Amino acid sequence: MPMDERIIRLLEDQNKFQKKQLLLAEQRERMQMEQIKKLTGQNGQLIARVEDLTQSVQSLKQALQDVNLLMEKLTGKKHALEKLVFKKSEKVSIRKSPEPLEKKSGTEIAEDKYSAAKERGNNGAKRKEYFPFDIQEHDLYPEIEGFDANLFKTIQIRDCIRYEYIPPRFIKHLYHQHFCRCNGSILAGKLPEVPFLNSNFDSSFIAGILQLRYIYSMPLERIIKLFQENGFDVSKSTVNGLVKKASTLLDVMNVVLKDTILKEDYINMDESYHTVLVDKAESSSDKGSRKGYFWGALAQRSHLIHFFYENGSRSRKVLTDYIPTDYKGAVQSDGLANYKILEKEAYPNALRLSCFQHCKRKFMIEGNKSAQKIIDIINTLYQREHEIPPESTGEEILEYRQKYAPPILKELKDALLDIKQRKSTLPKSELGKAVNYALNEYDSLCNYIKSPHYQLDNNSIERLMRYISLSRKNSLFCGSHAGAKRSALIYSLACSCRLNGINSFDYFNDLLKKMINVYPNTDKQYIRNLLPDRWGK
């Protein structure tokens, strides 16, 4: 075969082979395309399925979170209910239903669990209850739509207490006074009496002001602000005038109170200062004020205290004018030199007692061992006093004191003399002054062993003198000597109420009503029975 033909055939064969290969490639491509179409359809279904499953998982997660939150709330309520049901307290107590509880099964609570509620803890301490009150009772039923108490059986009743506070209220009483003609005469309805003539304020209004001012130490400005916040707008001049008139009305009790205290054989006395506004001629500075001293005398048996004020003086004359020279009894005081007159011949029947606490305070010198020794000896006296049984009679207390006290008092004096005789103890040093004070008061300190009723210190009246101190801090000053004297009388009655466990508002409210019918010639015994120790008995 010629060469050309062979070449042509070879090319034809190659062409056929390439066509076959191309056909095969097209077939493979068609098959691949079909497979791709199938896979694409399956993938779309898978994607949609995955999206559906994702949404389902998210829904399940949200539902699980809601369930967990609900479980937490239910668990908290469960614990709270367990505390309410099984622990008794003032807030919640359990009363059995009038019908006995039936035994429950499963998760239901048995009757014996309710009856075996645990006592409140706190080392056996009980929650304080407050009496008396206006009590309002409420029945609470489940808040269910269509609930009928007659159709449901009560299995238990739980009592829960809530205290409500109502701020002060002011009531305006409008009296329509009718004038009527009767048998030729004109008669009128009788109006309620008021402490002050032509006044719109009754005794309760004035008593409230006196209680806030003299027991709770509120200045008049704060009282007025309190009234304004509760709907009553009153001026300072009006409130001040009511206090002034009340003091004038009660002034008749001043002499009776003083006489009652001086009839007792054991009184405590002290004094405290208060800033008083005065004329510039009387003031020692340009401020127009000075220190004025309130004196106090406390009767131990009747629990009455009398504050008195004599132009702010602290001189001995105020004391001697108050205590007569024929006074028979004991007077306990601090170491003020004015009280020393009670130890002189001018008062032959009087006995002066000193105060161990005043001595002790002067020895509170940090880091001084000698001073601490004196404090320890004084503390020993108090410790021995605390060992006296509460049921001991006066004779037993006196016998006990006269037995234990002399050795300790001798030890105290020896220790004081030892400190004083040391060369290192300078007379004007803090320790030297404390030693001299204690030695000067030593004989008066020892007098407490002469009666079972005497006390080691003067703290009983010093606690009451704090009312003057609180007034000094809150009110800053008294407007005048006359104002201070008025305050002294009302403080006397208010603090005497506190000593006798009397509500000062009730006392002043009743006292002001009764003082309407008290005149200068009224029997003093009637006024004596109006003092707090006898009032209401």
Protein backbone atom coordinates (compact mmCIF):
# COMPACT_ATOMS: atom_id res chain seq x y z
CA MET A 1 0.00 0.00 0.00
CA PRO A 2 1.33 3.32 -0.91
CA MET A 3 2.61 5.43 1.84
CA ASP A 4 0.04 8.12 1.40
CA GLU A 5 -2.91 5.77 1.81
CA ARG A 6 -1.41 4.34 4.96
CA ILE A 7 -1.04 7.79 6.35
CA ILE A 8 -4.65 8.65 5.45
CA ARG A 9 -5.99 5.45 7.06
CA LEU A 10 -3.91 6.09 10.09
CA LEU A 11 -5.36 9.57 10.38
CA GLU A 12 -8.88 8.22 9.83
CA ASP A 13 -8.36 5.63 12.55
CA GLN A 14 -7.09 8.32 14.87
CA ASN A 15 -10.13 10.45 14.04
CA LYS A 16 -12.52 7.58 14.79
CA PHE A 17 -10.73 6.87 18.04
CA GLN A 18 -10.96 10.51 19.05
CA LYS A 19 -14.69 10.52 18.22
CA LYS A 20 -15.19 7.46 20.39
CA GLN A 21 -13.24 9.12 23.16
CA LEU A 22 -15.29 12.24 22.77
CA LEU A 23 -18.53 10.23 22.90
CA LEU A 24 -17.31 8.45 25.99
CA ALA A 25 -16.38 11.80 27.52
CA GLU A 26 -19.82 13.19 26.72
CA GLN A 27 -21.43 10.12 28.24
CA ARG A 28 -19.30 10.46 31.35
CA GLU A 29 -20.16 14.16 31.50
CA ARG A 30 -23.88 13.41 31.20
CA MET A 31 -23.58 10.79 33.91
CA GLN A 32 -21.68 13.20 36.11
CA MET A 33 -24.26 15.90 35.52
CA GLU A 34 -27.04 13.52 36.46
CA GLN A 35 -25.12 12.51 39.58
CA ILE A 36 -24.55 16.18 40.38
CA LYS A 37 -28.25 16.90 39.98
CA LYS A 38 -29.10 13.98 42.25
CA LEU A 39 -26.54 15.09 44.83
CA THR A 40 -27.73 18.68 44.66
CA GLY A 41 -31.29 17.60 45.37
CA GLN A 42 -30.22 15.41 48.24
CA ASN A 43 -28.03 18.23 49.64
CA GLY A 44 -30.97 20.66 49.59
CA GLN A 45 -33.05 18.16 51.46
CA LEU A 46 -30.23 17.67 53.95
CA ILE A 47 -29.83 21.43 54.42
CA ALA A 48 -33.56 21.83 55.03
CA ARG A 49 -33.45 18.88 57.42
CA VAL A 50 -30.50 20.37 59.26
CA GLU A 51 -32.32 23.69 59.57
CA ASP A 52 -35.39 21.93 60.95
CA LEU A 53 -33.30 20.00 63.44
CA THR A 54 -31.47 23.20 64.48
CA GLN A 55 -34.76 24.95 65.17
CA SER A 56 -35.96 21.93 67.15
CA VAL A 57 -32.79 21.91 69.25
CA GLN A 58 -33.13 25.63 69.97
CA SER A 59 -36.76 25.12 70.98
CA LEU A 60 -35.72 22.29 73.28
CA LYS A 61 -32.98 24.44 74.83
CA GLN A 62 -35.45 27.27 75.50
CA ALA A 63 -37.95 24.84 76.96
CA LEU A 64 -35.24 23.34 79.17
CA GLN A 65 -34.24 26.80 80.41
CA ASP A 66 -37.88 27.60 81.21
CA VAL A 67 -38.21 24.32 83.09
CA ASN A 68 -35.02 25.00 85.09
CA LEU A 69 -36.21 28.50 85.98
CA LEU A 70 -39.57 27.14 87.04
CA MET A 71 -37.86 24.46 89.14
CA GLU A 72 -35.74 27.10 90.90
CA LYS A 73 -38.84 29.12 91.73
CA LEU A 74 -40.69 26.05 92.93
CA THR A 75 -37.71 24.99 95.03
CA GLY A 76 -37.53 28.44 96.67
CA LYS A 77 -41.25 28.36 97.39
CA LYS A 78 -40.89 24.83 98.74
CA HIS A 79 -38.14 25.90 101.19
CA ALA A 80 -40.14 28.96 102.24
CA LEU A 81 -43.24 26.85 102.81
CA GLU A 82 -41.23 24.31 104.81
CA LYS A 83 -39.94 27.12 107.04
CA LEU A 84 -43.43 28.51 107.46
CA VAL A 85 -45.00 25.14 108.18
CA PHE A 86 -42.39 23.47 110.36
CA LYS A 87 -40.88 26.43 112.30
CA LYS A 88 -42.92 28.41 114.82
CA SER A 89 -42.34 32.12 115.16
CA GLU A 90 -44.27 35.28 115.78
CA LYS A 91 -44.59 35.86 112.05
CA VAL A 92 -46.13 32.48 111.34
CA SER A 93 -47.80 30.11 113.73
CA ILE A 94 -49.90 27.09 112.95
CA ARG A 95 -53.33 26.37 114.29
CA LYS A 96 -54.98 23.05 113.65
CA SER A 97 -58.18 23.09 111.71
CA PRO A 98 -61.36 22.59 113.71
CA GLU A 99 -61.57 19.23 111.91
CA PRO A 100 -58.70 16.76 112.44
CA LEU A 101 -56.35 16.29 109.52
CA GLU A 102 -56.60 13.01 107.68
CA LYS A 103 -53.56 10.84 107.07
CA LYS A 104 -52.09 11.51 103.66
CA SER A 105 -50.22 9.13 101.44
CA GLY A 106 -47.40 9.54 98.96
CA THR A 107 -46.13 13.09 98.80
CA GLU A 108 -48.93 14.46 100.99
CA ILE A 109 -47.96 15.67 104.44
CA ALA A 110 -49.05 13.67 107.44
CA GLU A 111 -50.90 15.24 110.34
CA ASP A 112 -48.17 14.50 112.85
CA LYS A 113 -45.73 16.74 110.97
CA TYR A 114 -47.92 19.75 111.61
CA SER A 115 -48.32 18.96 115.28
CA ALA A 116 -44.55 18.42 115.69
CA ALA A 117 -43.44 21.84 114.40
CA LYS A 118 -39.97 22.79 115.64
CA GLU A 119 -39.43 25.50 118.20
CA ARG A 120 -37.68 28.70 117.19
CA GLY A 121 -33.91 28.66 117.58
CA ASN A 122 -31.64 31.52 118.71
CA ASN A 123 -30.66 29.77 121.96
CA GLY A 124 -34.24 29.46 123.09
CA ALA A 125 -34.95 33.19 122.80
CA LYS A 126 -38.52 34.07 121.90
CA ARG A 127 -39.57 36.77 119.51
CA LYS A 128 -40.89 39.79 121.36
CA GLU A 129 -44.62 40.42 121.17
CA TYR A 130 -46.14 43.88 121.43
CA PHE A 131 -49.26 44.59 123.48
CA PRO A 132 -51.81 46.08 123.56
CA PHE A 133 -52.97 47.03 120.07
CA ASP A 134 -56.08 47.49 118.02
CA ILE A 135 -56.23 44.09 116.38
CA GLN A 136 -57.78 43.60 112.95
CA GLU A 137 -58.26 40.04 111.76
CA HIS A 138 -58.36 39.01 108.11
CA ASP A 139 -59.25 35.67 106.49
CA LEU A 140 -57.22 34.92 103.37
CA TYR A 141 -58.39 32.28 100.87
CA PRO A 142 -56.68 31.02 97.69
CA GLU A 143 -57.07 33.40 94.78
CA ILE A 144 -58.74 31.02 92.36
CA GLU A 145 -61.44 32.00 89.90
CA GLY A 146 -64.76 30.75 91.13
CA PHE A 147 -63.43 29.81 94.57
CA ASP A 148 -66.14 29.15 97.15
CA ALA A 149 -65.03 28.68 100.76
CA ASN A 150 -68.07 26.48 101.39
CA LEU A 151 -67.02 24.01 98.72
CA PHE A 152 -63.41 23.59 99.81
CA LYS A 153 -62.23 21.89 102.99
CA THR A 154 -59.73 23.80 105.13
CA ILE A 155 -56.91 21.49 106.21
CA GLN A 156 -54.97 24.05 108.25
CA ILE A 157 -54.95 27.71 109.26
CA ARG A 158 -51.67 29.63 109.46
CA ASP A 159 -51.56 32.89 111.49
CA CYS A 160 -49.22 35.60 110.19
CA ILE A 161 -48.67 38.93 111.98
CA ARG A 162 -47.97 42.29 110.35
CA TYR A 163 -47.55 45.57 112.26
CA GLU A 164 -48.80 48.76 110.64
CA TYR A 165 -47.65 52.27 111.55
CA ILE A 166 -50.01 55.23 111.19
CA PRO A 167 -48.37 58.69 111.50
CA PRO A 168 -49.81 61.22 113.98
CA ARG A 169 -53.29 62.42 113.07
CA PHE A 170 -54.89 65.77 113.76
CA ILE A 171 -58.66 65.89 114.19
CA LYS A 172 -60.62 69.09 113.93
CA HIS A 173 -63.71 68.97 116.15
CA LEU A 174 -66.38 71.44 115.09
CA TYR A 175 -68.97 71.90 117.84
CA HIS A 176 -72.30 73.40 116.86
CA GLN A 177 -73.35 75.06 120.09
CA HIS A 178 -77.12 75.39 120.22
CA PHE A 179 -78.80 78.12 122.26
CA CYS A 180 -82.32 77.24 123.25
CA ARG A 181 -85.16 79.06 125.00
CA CYS A 182 -86.57 77.13 127.94
CA ASN A 183 -89.12 78.47 130.45
CA GLY A 184 -88.16 82.02 129.76
CA SER A 185 -84.43 81.32 130.01
CA ILE A 186 -81.84 80.82 127.30
CA LEU A 187 -79.69 77.69 127.70
CA ALA A 188 -76.66 76.73 125.66
CA GLY A 189 -74.91 73.45 124.97
CA LYS A 190 -71.82 73.02 127.10
CA LEU A 191 -68.53 73.11 125.25
CA PRO A 192 -65.67 70.78 126.30
CA GLU A 193 -63.28 72.50 128.70
CA VAL A 194 -59.82 73.51 127.49
CA PRO A 195 -56.77 74.31 129.64
CA PHE A 196 -56.52 77.89 128.38
CA LEU A 197 -59.30 80.42 127.98
CA ASN A 198 -60.51 80.99 124.40
CA SER A 199 -58.01 78.44 123.06
CA ASN A 200 -58.63 76.13 120.10
CA PHE A 201 -56.19 73.52 121.44
CA ASP A 202 -57.26 70.88 123.91
CA SER A 203 -55.06 69.12 126.48
CA SER A 204 -54.05 66.29 124.13
CA PHE A 205 -52.48 68.71 121.64
CA ILE A 206 -50.44 70.41 124.38
CA ALA A 207 -49.49 67.06 125.96
CA GLY A 208 -48.09 65.88 122.62
CA ILE A 209 -45.88 68.96 122.37
CA LEU A 210 -44.61 68.55 125.96
CA GLN A 211 -43.78 64.88 125.40
CA LEU A 212 -41.82 65.55 122.20
CA ARG A 213 -40.01 68.52 123.71
CA TYR A 214 -39.12 67.26 127.18
CA ILE A 215 -38.93 63.48 126.84
CA TYR A 216 -37.67 63.10 123.26
CA SER A 217 -35.61 66.32 123.32
CA MET A 218 -37.00 67.73 120.07
CA PRO A 219 -36.59 71.50 119.62
CA LEU A 220 -39.74 73.43 118.87
CA GLU A 221 -38.63 73.92 115.26
CA ARG A 222 -38.51 70.15 114.70
CA ILE A 223 -41.88 69.64 116.37
CA ILE A 224 -43.40 72.25 114.07
CA LYS A 225 -41.81 70.56 111.06
CA LEU A 226 -43.17 67.18 112.17
CA PHE A 227 -46.67 68.65 112.49
CA GLN A 228 -46.41 70.27 109.06
CA GLU A 229 -45.38 66.97 107.44
CA ASN A 230 -48.50 65.40 108.91
CA GLY A 231 -50.85 68.09 107.66
CA PHE A 232 -50.99 70.66 110.48
CA ASP A 233 -49.33 74.02 109.85
CA VAL A 234 -48.74 75.85 113.14
CA SER A 235 -46.49 78.80 113.89
CA LYS A 236 -43.59 78.80 116.32
CA SER A 237 -45.13 81.61 118.34
CA THR A 238 -48.28 79.52 118.85
CA VAL A 239 -46.35 76.45 120.01
CA ASN A 240 -44.10 78.52 122.24
CA GLY A 241 -47.14 80.24 123.74
CA LEU A 242 -48.79 76.90 124.52
CA VAL A 243 -45.68 75.65 126.33
CA LYS A 244 -45.41 78.89 128.29
CA LYS A 245 -49.07 78.80 129.34
CA ALA A 246 -48.82 75.14 130.31
CA SER A 247 -45.86 75.85 132.55
CA THR A 248 -47.74 78.73 134.20
CA LEU A 249 -50.74 76.47 134.77
CA LEU A 250 -48.55 73.77 136.34
CA ASP A 251 -46.47 76.14 138.44
CA VAL A 252 -48.58 75.36 141.51
CA MET A 253 -46.98 71.88 141.55
CA ASN A 254 -43.46 73.27 142.00
CA VAL A 255 -43.69 73.84 145.75
CA VAL A 256 -45.54 70.56 146.36
CA LEU A 257 -42.92 68.61 144.43
CA LYS A 258 -40.09 70.22 146.39
CA ASP A 259 -41.76 69.56 149.76
CA THR A 260 -42.41 65.93 148.82
CA ILE A 261 -38.76 65.29 147.96
CA LEU A 262 -37.40 66.97 151.09
CA LYS A 263 -39.60 64.74 153.26
CA GLU A 264 -37.56 61.73 152.21
CA ASP A 265 -34.43 60.67 154.09
CA TYR A 266 -32.28 59.87 151.05
CA ILE A 267 -31.92 62.12 147.99
CA ASN A 268 -29.39 62.49 145.18
CA MET A 269 -28.31 65.89 143.87
CA ASP A 270 -26.42 67.09 140.84
CA GLU A 271 -26.23 70.08 138.48
CA SER A 272 -25.67 70.62 134.77
CA TYR A 273 -25.27 73.72 132.65
CA HIS A 274 -27.29 75.04 129.74
CA THR A 275 -26.64 78.07 127.54
CA VAL A 276 -29.10 80.87 128.28
CA LEU A 277 -29.69 84.06 126.31
CA VAL A 278 -29.27 87.15 128.53
CA ASP A 279 -28.78 90.88 128.21
CA LYS A 280 -25.33 91.98 127.09
CA ALA A 281 -24.81 93.65 130.45
CA GLU A 282 -25.15 90.26 132.17
CA SER A 283 -23.14 88.35 129.57
CA SER A 284 -19.40 87.95 130.07
CA SER A 285 -18.86 88.16 126.30
CA ASP A 286 -20.35 89.88 123.29
CA LYS A 287 -22.45 86.81 122.44
CA GLY A 288 -25.35 87.80 124.66
CA SER A 289 -25.40 84.41 126.40
CA ARG A 290 -24.00 82.70 129.48
CA LYS A 291 -23.93 79.36 131.25
CA GLY A 292 -26.94 78.80 133.44
CA TYR A 293 -27.05 75.81 135.79
CA PHE A 294 -29.98 73.45 136.32
CA TRP A 295 -30.01 71.71 139.70
CA GLY A 296 -31.66 68.37 140.29
CA ALA A 297 -32.85 66.58 143.42
CA LEU A 298 -33.94 62.93 143.17
CA ALA A 299 -35.99 61.12 145.83
CA GLN A 300 -35.03 57.46 145.88
CA ARG A 301 -38.21 56.07 147.45
CA SER A 302 -40.94 57.90 145.52
CA HIS A 303 -38.88 58.11 142.29
CA LEU A 304 -39.58 61.80 141.87
CA ILE A 305 -37.07 64.30 140.57
CA HIS A 306 -37.20 68.05 140.94
CA PHE A 307 -35.22 70.29 138.58
CA PHE A 308 -34.87 73.87 139.74
CA TYR A 309 -33.22 76.94 138.28
CA GLU A 310 -32.26 80.16 140.07
CA ASN A 311 -31.09 82.66 137.43
CA GLY A 312 -28.46 80.16 136.31
CA SER A 313 -26.49 80.38 139.57
CA ARG A 314 -24.32 77.53 140.82
CA SER A 315 -23.51 79.19 144.13
CA ARG A 316 -23.85 77.59 147.54
CA LYS A 317 -26.79 79.86 148.33
CA VAL A 318 -28.94 78.01 145.79
CA LEU A 319 -28.25 74.78 147.68
CA THR A 320 -28.80 76.21 151.16
CA ASP A 321 -32.04 77.90 150.04
CA TYR A 322 -33.29 74.58 148.73
CA ILE A 323 -32.29 72.30 151.64
CA PRO A 324 -33.41 73.61 155.05
CA THR A 325 -30.95 73.43 157.93
CA ASP A 326 -33.23 71.05 159.85
CA TYR A 327 -33.19 68.46 157.06
CA LYS A 328 -32.86 64.92 158.40
CA GLY A 329 -31.45 62.47 155.91
CA ALA A 330 -28.64 61.68 153.49
CA VAL A 331 -27.69 63.70 150.42
CA GLN A 332 -25.48 62.06 147.80
CA SER A 333 -23.52 64.25 145.42
CA ASP A 334 -20.25 64.68 143.59
CA GLY A 335 -17.28 66.50 145.09
CA LEU A 336 -18.41 70.07 144.32
CA ALA A 337 -17.27 72.25 147.21
CA ASN A 338 -20.75 73.72 147.69
CA TYR A 339 -22.01 70.37 148.98
CA LYS A 340 -19.42 70.37 151.77
CA ILE A 341 -21.72 72.64 153.78
CA LEU A 342 -23.84 69.55 154.45
CA GLU A 343 -20.97 68.15 156.51
CA LYS A 344 -20.73 71.27 158.68
CA GLU A 345 -22.52 72.26 161.87
CA ALA A 346 -25.09 74.19 159.85
CA TYR A 347 -26.70 70.84 159.01
CA PRO A 348 -26.41 68.79 162.21
CA ASN A 349 -28.88 66.10 161.12
CA ALA A 350 -27.72 65.71 157.52
CA LEU A 351 -25.36 63.04 156.19
CA ARG A 352 -23.43 63.53 152.99
CA LEU A 353 -22.57 60.63 150.68
CA SER A 354 -19.96 60.90 147.96
CA CYS A 355 -19.71 59.10 144.61
CA PHE A 356 -17.22 56.33 143.88
CA GLN A 357 -17.66 56.76 140.13
CA HIS A 358 -16.44 60.36 140.24
CA CYS A 359 -13.32 59.18 142.08
CA LYS A 360 -12.80 56.30 139.69
CA ARG A 361 -13.01 58.49 136.57
CA LYS A 362 -10.18 60.69 137.76
CA PHE A 363 -7.87 57.64 138.01
CA MET A 364 -8.44 56.57 134.43
CA ILE A 365 -4.90 57.49 133.40
CA GLU A 366 -3.62 55.38 130.55
CA GLY A 367 -0.51 53.33 131.35
CA ASN A 368 -0.35 54.33 135.03
CA LYS A 369 -0.14 51.21 137.22
CA SER A 370 -0.74 53.10 140.47
CA ALA A 371 -3.95 54.59 139.12
CA GLN A 372 -5.06 51.18 137.86
CA LYS A 373 -4.56 49.75 141.36
CA ILE A 374 -7.01 52.28 142.81
CA ILE A 375 -9.52 51.43 140.06
CA ASP A 376 -9.19 47.72 140.86
CA ILE A 377 -9.89 48.33 144.55
CA ILE A 378 -13.02 50.36 143.75
CA ASN A 379 -14.15 47.65 141.32
CA THR A 380 -13.81 45.13 144.15
CA LEU A 381 -16.42 47.07 146.13
CA TYR A 382 -18.84 46.87 143.22
CA GLN A 383 -18.14 43.17 142.77
CA ARG A 384 -18.94 42.46 146.39
CA GLU A 385 -22.16 44.50 146.09
CA HIS A 386 -23.24 42.38 143.14
CA GLU A 387 -22.82 39.26 145.25
CA ILE A 388 -25.67 40.33 147.56
CA PRO A 389 -28.69 38.06 146.87
CA PRO A 390 -31.67 40.01 145.45
CA GLU A 391 -34.03 38.61 148.09
CA SER A 392 -31.89 39.86 151.00
CA THR A 393 -33.58 42.00 153.63
CA GLY A 394 -32.33 45.44 154.64
CA GLU A 395 -30.79 44.06 157.82
CA GLU A 396 -28.96 41.35 155.91
CA ILE A 397 -27.59 43.86 153.38
CA LEU A 398 -26.43 46.20 156.13
CA GLU A 399 -24.74 43.36 158.03
CA TYR A 400 -23.04 42.14 154.85
CA ARG A 401 -21.77 45.62 153.96
CA GLN A 402 -20.36 46.29 157.41
CA LYS A 403 -18.53 43.00 157.19
CA TYR A 404 -16.91 43.13 153.75
CA ALA A 405 -16.50 46.88 153.19
CA PRO A 406 -14.15 48.11 156.02
CA PRO A 407 -11.11 46.02 154.94
CA ILE A 408 -11.48 47.13 151.31
CA LEU A 409 -11.97 50.78 152.29
CA LYS A 410 -8.88 50.62 154.51
CA GLU A 411 -6.91 49.12 151.62
CA LEU A 412 -8.13 52.00 149.42
CA LYS A 413 -6.99 54.66 151.89
CA ASP A 414 -3.60 53.02 152.41
CA ALA A 415 -3.04 52.86 148.67
CA LEU A 416 -3.99 56.53 148.27
CA LEU A 417 -1.63 57.64 151.05
CA ASP A 418 1.17 55.52 149.62
CA ILE A 419 0.82 57.20 146.22
CA LYS A 420 0.63 60.67 147.75
CA GLN A 421 3.80 60.19 149.82
CA ARG A 422 5.90 59.25 146.83
CA LYS A 423 8.27 61.92 145.63
CA SER A 424 7.33 61.13 142.05
CA THR A 425 3.70 62.15 142.67
CA LEU A 426 3.49 65.85 141.92
CA PRO A 427 0.52 67.64 143.55
CA LYS A 428 -0.59 69.27 140.29
CA SER A 429 -0.12 66.17 138.17
CA GLU A 430 -3.12 64.23 136.95
CA LEU A 431 -2.46 61.44 139.43
CA GLY A 432 -1.79 63.88 142.27
CA LYS A 433 -5.10 65.69 141.70
CA ALA A 434 -6.98 62.38 141.60
CA VAL A 435 -5.41 61.24 144.90
CA ASN A 436 -6.19 64.53 146.66
CA TYR A 437 -9.81 64.41 145.40
CA ALA A 438 -10.29 60.85 146.67
CA LEU A 439 -8.73 61.59 150.08
CA ASN A 440 -10.91 64.68 150.52
CA GLU A 441 -13.99 62.58 149.73
CA TYR A 442 -12.90 59.49 151.66
CA ASP A 443 -15.08 59.95 154.76
CA SER A 444 -18.15 60.68 152.64
CA LEU A 445 -17.39 57.64 150.48
CA CYS A 446 -17.41 55.40 153.55
CA ASN A 447 -20.86 56.59 154.65
CA TYR A 448 -22.67 54.28 152.23
CA ILE A 449 -22.25 51.34 154.65
CA LYS A 450 -24.53 53.05 157.22
CA SER A 451 -27.76 52.07 155.45
CA PRO A 452 -28.81 49.25 153.11
CA HIS A 453 -30.56 51.80 150.88
CA TYR A 454 -27.52 53.94 150.12
CA GLN A 455 -25.77 53.52 146.78
CA LEU A 456 -22.07 53.57 145.93
CA ASP A 457 -22.45 56.27 143.31
CA ASN A 458 -24.61 59.15 142.12
CA ASN A 459 -25.37 57.62 138.73
CA SER A 460 -29.14 57.48 139.27
CA ILE A 461 -29.48 61.25 139.03
CA GLU A 462 -26.67 61.73 136.51
CA ARG A 463 -28.60 59.61 134.03
CA LEU A 464 -31.52 62.00 134.38
CA MET A 465 -29.32 65.06 134.01
CA ARG A 466 -28.65 63.84 130.46
CA TYR A 467 -32.05 65.23 129.50
CA ILE A 468 -30.57 68.66 130.16
CA SER A 469 -27.49 67.72 128.14
CA LEU A 470 -29.63 66.56 125.20
CA SER A 471 -31.55 69.83 125.30
CA ARG A 472 -28.26 71.69 125.33
CA LYS A 473 -27.16 69.88 122.16
CA ASN A 474 -30.48 69.95 120.29
CA SER A 475 -32.00 73.27 121.32
CA LEU A 476 -28.65 75.06 121.79
CA PHE A 477 -29.99 77.60 124.32
CA CYS A 478 -32.87 78.71 126.52
CA GLY A 479 -34.44 81.98 125.48
CA SER A 480 -34.26 83.56 128.95
CA HIS A 481 -33.96 82.82 132.65
CA ALA A 482 -37.75 82.64 132.85
CA GLY A 483 -37.83 80.14 129.98
CA ALA A 484 -35.21 77.99 131.69
CA LYS A 485 -37.23 78.01 134.92
CA ARG A 486 -40.34 76.92 133.04
CA SER A 487 -38.41 74.11 131.39
CA ALA A 488 -37.11 72.94 134.78
CA LEU A 489 -40.65 72.32 136.06
CA ILE A 490 -41.83 70.41 132.98
CA TYR A 491 -38.61 68.38 132.93
CA SER A 492 -39.33 67.47 136.57
CA LEU A 493 -42.77 66.08 135.77
CA ALA A 494 -41.71 64.39 132.51
CA CYS A 495 -38.68 62.63 134.02
CA SER A 496 -40.69 61.61 137.09
CA CYS A 497 -43.11 59.93 134.69
CA ARG A 498 -40.20 58.07 133.13
CA LEU A 499 -38.98 56.93 136.57
CA ASN A 500 -42.44 55.64 137.53
CA GLY A 501 -43.07 53.88 134.22
CA ILE A 502 -45.84 56.26 133.17
CA ASN A 503 -46.62 57.37 129.63
CA SER A 504 -45.83 61.08 129.76
CA PHE A 505 -48.44 61.92 127.11
CA ASP A 506 -51.23 60.26 129.11
CA TYR A 507 -50.03 62.01 132.25
CA PHE A 508 -49.87 65.54 130.80
CA ASN A 509 -53.15 65.04 128.95
CA ASP A 510 -54.95 64.13 132.18
CA LEU A 511 -53.06 66.61 134.35
CA LEU A 512 -53.89 69.61 132.16
CA LYS A 513 -57.58 68.69 132.30
CA LYS A 514 -57.53 68.46 136.10
CA MET A 515 -55.53 71.65 136.56
CA ILE A 516 -58.44 73.62 135.05
CA ASN A 517 -60.22 73.27 138.40
CA VAL A 518 -57.16 73.92 140.61
CA TYR A 519 -57.09 77.31 142.33
CA PRO A 520 -54.56 78.98 144.66
CA ASN A 521 -56.53 77.83 147.71
CA THR A 522 -56.80 74.20 146.52
CA ASP A 523 -55.79 71.65 149.13
CA LYS A 524 -52.13 70.70 148.66
CA GLN A 525 -52.94 67.05 149.31
CA TYR A 526 -55.03 67.03 146.14
CA ILE A 527 -52.07 68.40 144.19
CA ARG A 528 -49.77 65.89 145.92
CA ASN A 529 -51.90 63.06 144.56
CA LEU A 530 -51.40 64.42 141.03
CA LEU A 531 -47.62 63.83 141.12
CA PRO A 532 -46.48 60.89 138.96
CA ASP A 533 -45.79 58.50 141.85
CA ARG A 534 -49.46 58.62 142.91
CA TRP A 535 -51.18 59.54 139.66
CA GLY A 536 -53.54 56.86 138.42
CA LYS A 537 -53.34 54.72 141.57
